[in-house]
Structure formats: C-alpha cells, structure tokens
Amino acid sequence: MKRNLFLILWILGILMPMAWLVRPSPMAYRLFNTLFSPAWMHIVMHTLLFAVLGALLIQRLSGTFARRIGFTLALVLGAAILQEGFQLLSRQTVLHPDNLFDIGVDMLGGLLGAMAALAVRKIAVERSARTPALS
C-alpha cells in the first residue's frame, strides 16, 4: 500500500475539480482562473498531470511491453473520462467538443509519460550493464 500511496494520491488529485477548492475564496478563484484559463496553460497542465500518471502506472505494471502500455493507456483513459465527468457535474454542463479534446490531450500526456519512464529505465539498465562490477 505504501508503495502505491503517491499513485493513489495523484489520481485523487487529478479527479478532484480544483476549482472546488478555491471557489469559496473570491480572490483565490480569480487567481486560479487567471493562471489556468489560457488554452495553452490548460493543455500544458493536462499533459503534465497525465504524463506523471502514465509514468507512475507503467512502473508498477508487469508483463509484456504491449500489455503494460495497453493497460496503462486504458487506466489513463478511465481517469481522463472520470475527470471530465466530474468537471461536467461540477459546472453543471453537458458534453462539449472541448471535453473530448481534453481527453485526447490526457491520452497523449499518459503515453508521453509512459514512454519517458520506459526510456529512463532502459538508459539505467544499459548504464548498469556497462559499469564494471567492483570485486
């Protein structure tokens, strides 16, 4: 459980509509909207959040490469759909093309994070293989 605590907290952080936390304070809500309302910042944040999720998931899964990537992307898709669903409920709106765009950005972020984690792991394995063992 301790090993997966950060992953669980990260998923909960992704799923919680952050605007709920700042809504009680008008000043904090204004600041939140100023920082995160530009489209480029929205895209960067979604990509970053889901890249970390993809990296965390791929490190904890076992099996073949295809199974690990497939399961990671399925879990990222599930989290992306849940996040958008919670946002729709909190805003009391209906599904919009922007929501589908966000899910696509989330999937791209998850894939980038998973691939980055695998690349880092491969580099570490290659370096340890090249380093002579001390006797």
Protein backbone atom coordinates (compact mmCIF):
# COMPACT_ATOMS: atom_id res chain seq x y z
CA MET A 1 0.00 0.00 0.00
CA LYS A 2 2.79 2.43 0.91
CA ARG A 3 4.39 1.78 -2.47
CA ASN A 4 1.25 2.92 -4.27
CA LEU A 5 0.29 5.78 -1.95
CA PHE A 6 1.73 8.51 -4.20
CA LEU A 7 -0.06 7.00 -7.22
CA ILE A 8 -3.36 6.90 -5.33
CA LEU A 9 -2.96 10.50 -4.13
CA TRP A 10 -2.01 11.61 -7.66
CA ILE A 11 -5.15 10.02 -9.11
CA LEU A 12 -7.32 11.60 -6.44
CA GLY A 13 -5.70 14.97 -7.15
CA ILE A 14 -6.41 14.59 -10.87
CA LEU A 15 -10.03 13.62 -10.31
CA MET A 16 -10.89 16.40 -7.87
CA PRO A 17 -12.06 19.57 -9.62
CA MET A 18 -9.50 22.06 -8.33
CA ALA A 19 -11.91 24.95 -8.81
CA TRP A 20 -13.95 23.48 -5.93
CA LEU A 21 -11.05 24.13 -3.56
CA VAL A 22 -10.64 27.78 -4.49
CA ARG A 23 -14.28 28.68 -5.12
CA PRO A 24 -15.02 29.75 -1.50
CA SER A 25 -12.39 32.48 -1.75
CA PRO A 26 -13.15 35.08 -4.46
CA MET A 27 -9.51 36.19 -4.57
CA ALA A 28 -8.17 32.63 -4.91
CA TYR A 29 -10.83 31.83 -7.51
CA ARG A 30 -9.85 34.89 -9.57
CA LEU A 31 -6.16 33.94 -9.34
CA PHE A 32 -6.94 30.34 -10.32
CA ASN A 33 -8.90 31.49 -13.38
CA THR A 34 -6.17 33.96 -14.37
CA LEU A 35 -3.49 31.26 -14.22
CA PHE A 36 -5.35 28.35 -15.80
CA SER A 37 -7.84 29.87 -18.23
CA PRO A 38 -5.41 30.42 -21.15
CA ALA A 39 -5.76 27.50 -23.56
CA TRP A 40 -2.01 26.81 -23.69
CA MET A 41 -1.79 26.55 -19.88
CA HIS A 42 -4.81 24.25 -19.81
CA ILE A 43 -3.13 21.96 -22.35
CA VAL A 44 0.24 22.03 -20.56
CA MET A 45 -1.35 21.18 -17.20
CA HIS A 46 -3.45 18.31 -18.59
CA THR A 47 -0.41 16.91 -20.39
CA LEU A 48 1.79 17.19 -17.31
CA LEU A 49 -0.75 15.68 -14.92
CA PHE A 50 -1.39 12.69 -17.15
CA ALA A 51 2.28 12.25 -18.14
CA VAL A 52 3.10 11.74 -14.46
CA LEU A 53 0.15 9.35 -14.16
CA GLY A 54 1.35 7.36 -17.19
CA ALA A 55 4.89 7.19 -15.80
CA LEU A 56 3.68 6.05 -12.37
CA LEU A 57 1.38 3.41 -13.84
CA ILE A 58 3.87 1.88 -16.29
CA GLN A 59 6.43 1.49 -13.49
CA ARG A 60 4.02 -0.50 -11.36
CA LEU A 61 2.71 -2.87 -14.02
CA SER A 62 4.28 -6.15 -15.01
CA GLY A 63 4.08 -8.24 -18.13
CA THR A 64 4.96 -7.72 -21.75
CA PHE A 65 5.55 -4.30 -23.23
CA ALA A 66 2.25 -4.41 -25.14
CA ARG A 67 0.30 -5.42 -22.02
CA ARG A 68 1.89 -2.71 -19.89
CA ILE A 69 1.30 0.03 -22.48
CA GLY A 70 -2.25 -1.15 -23.17
CA PHE A 71 -3.22 -1.34 -19.53
CA THR A 72 -1.56 2.00 -18.75
CA LEU A 73 -3.44 3.73 -21.56
CA ALA A 74 -6.71 2.07 -20.53
CA LEU A 75 -6.27 3.35 -16.96
CA VAL A 76 -5.28 6.82 -18.22
CA LEU A 77 -8.39 6.86 -20.42
CA GLY A 78 -10.53 5.85 -17.44
CA ALA A 79 -9.05 8.62 -15.30
CA ALA A 80 -9.48 11.16 -18.13
CA ILE A 81 -13.14 10.24 -18.59
CA LEU A 82 -13.78 10.40 -14.85
CA GLN A 83 -12.05 13.76 -14.57
CA GLU A 84 -14.08 15.24 -17.42
CA GLY A 85 -17.25 13.75 -15.96
CA PHE A 86 -16.58 15.33 -12.58
CA GLN A 87 -15.88 18.65 -14.27
CA LEU A 88 -19.16 18.43 -16.18
CA LEU A 89 -21.02 17.71 -12.95
CA SER A 90 -19.30 20.50 -11.05
CA ARG A 91 -20.03 23.02 -13.82
CA GLN A 92 -23.48 21.54 -14.45
CA THR A 93 -22.92 21.49 -18.20
CA VAL A 94 -23.22 18.93 -20.99
CA LEU A 95 -20.55 17.17 -23.03
CA HIS A 96 -18.78 19.56 -25.38
CA PRO A 97 -16.03 19.06 -28.02
CA ASP A 98 -13.57 20.73 -25.60
CA ASN A 99 -14.08 17.80 -23.22
CA LEU A 100 -13.14 15.33 -25.95
CA PHE A 101 -10.09 17.46 -26.79
CA ASP A 102 -9.06 17.34 -23.11
CA ILE A 103 -9.37 13.54 -23.12
CA GLY A 104 -7.15 13.40 -26.21
CA VAL A 105 -4.56 15.65 -24.55
CA ASP A 106 -4.75 13.47 -21.43
CA MET A 107 -4.12 10.34 -23.50
CA LEU A 108 -1.16 11.96 -25.25
CA GLY A 109 0.25 13.01 -21.87
CA GLY A 110 -0.19 9.50 -20.48
CA LEU A 111 1.57 7.99 -23.48
CA LEU A 112 4.43 10.51 -23.29
CA GLY A 113 4.89 9.84 -19.56
CA ALA A 114 4.87 6.07 -20.01
CA MET A 115 7.38 6.25 -22.86
CA ALA A 116 9.63 8.62 -20.89
CA ALA A 117 9.60 6.28 -17.88
CA LEU A 118 10.47 3.31 -20.10
CA ALA A 119 13.28 5.29 -21.78
CA VAL A 120 14.76 6.29 -18.42
CA ARG A 121 14.58 2.69 -17.23
CA LYS A 122 16.29 1.44 -20.42
CA ILE A 123 19.09 4.00 -20.07
CA ALA A 124 19.62 2.98 -16.43
CA VAL A 125 19.80 -0.71 -17.36
CA GLU A 126 22.28 -0.01 -20.17
CA ARG A 127 24.47 2.09 -17.88
CA SER A 128 24.50 -0.56 -15.17
CA ALA A 129 25.45 -3.18 -17.78
CA ARG A 130 28.39 -1.04 -18.97
CA THR A 131 29.64 -0.26 -15.46
CA PRO A 132 32.16 -2.90 -14.35
CA ALA A 133 31.28 -4.63 -11.12
CA LEU A 134 33.53 -4.00 -8.15
CA SER A 135 35.14 -7.12 -6.76
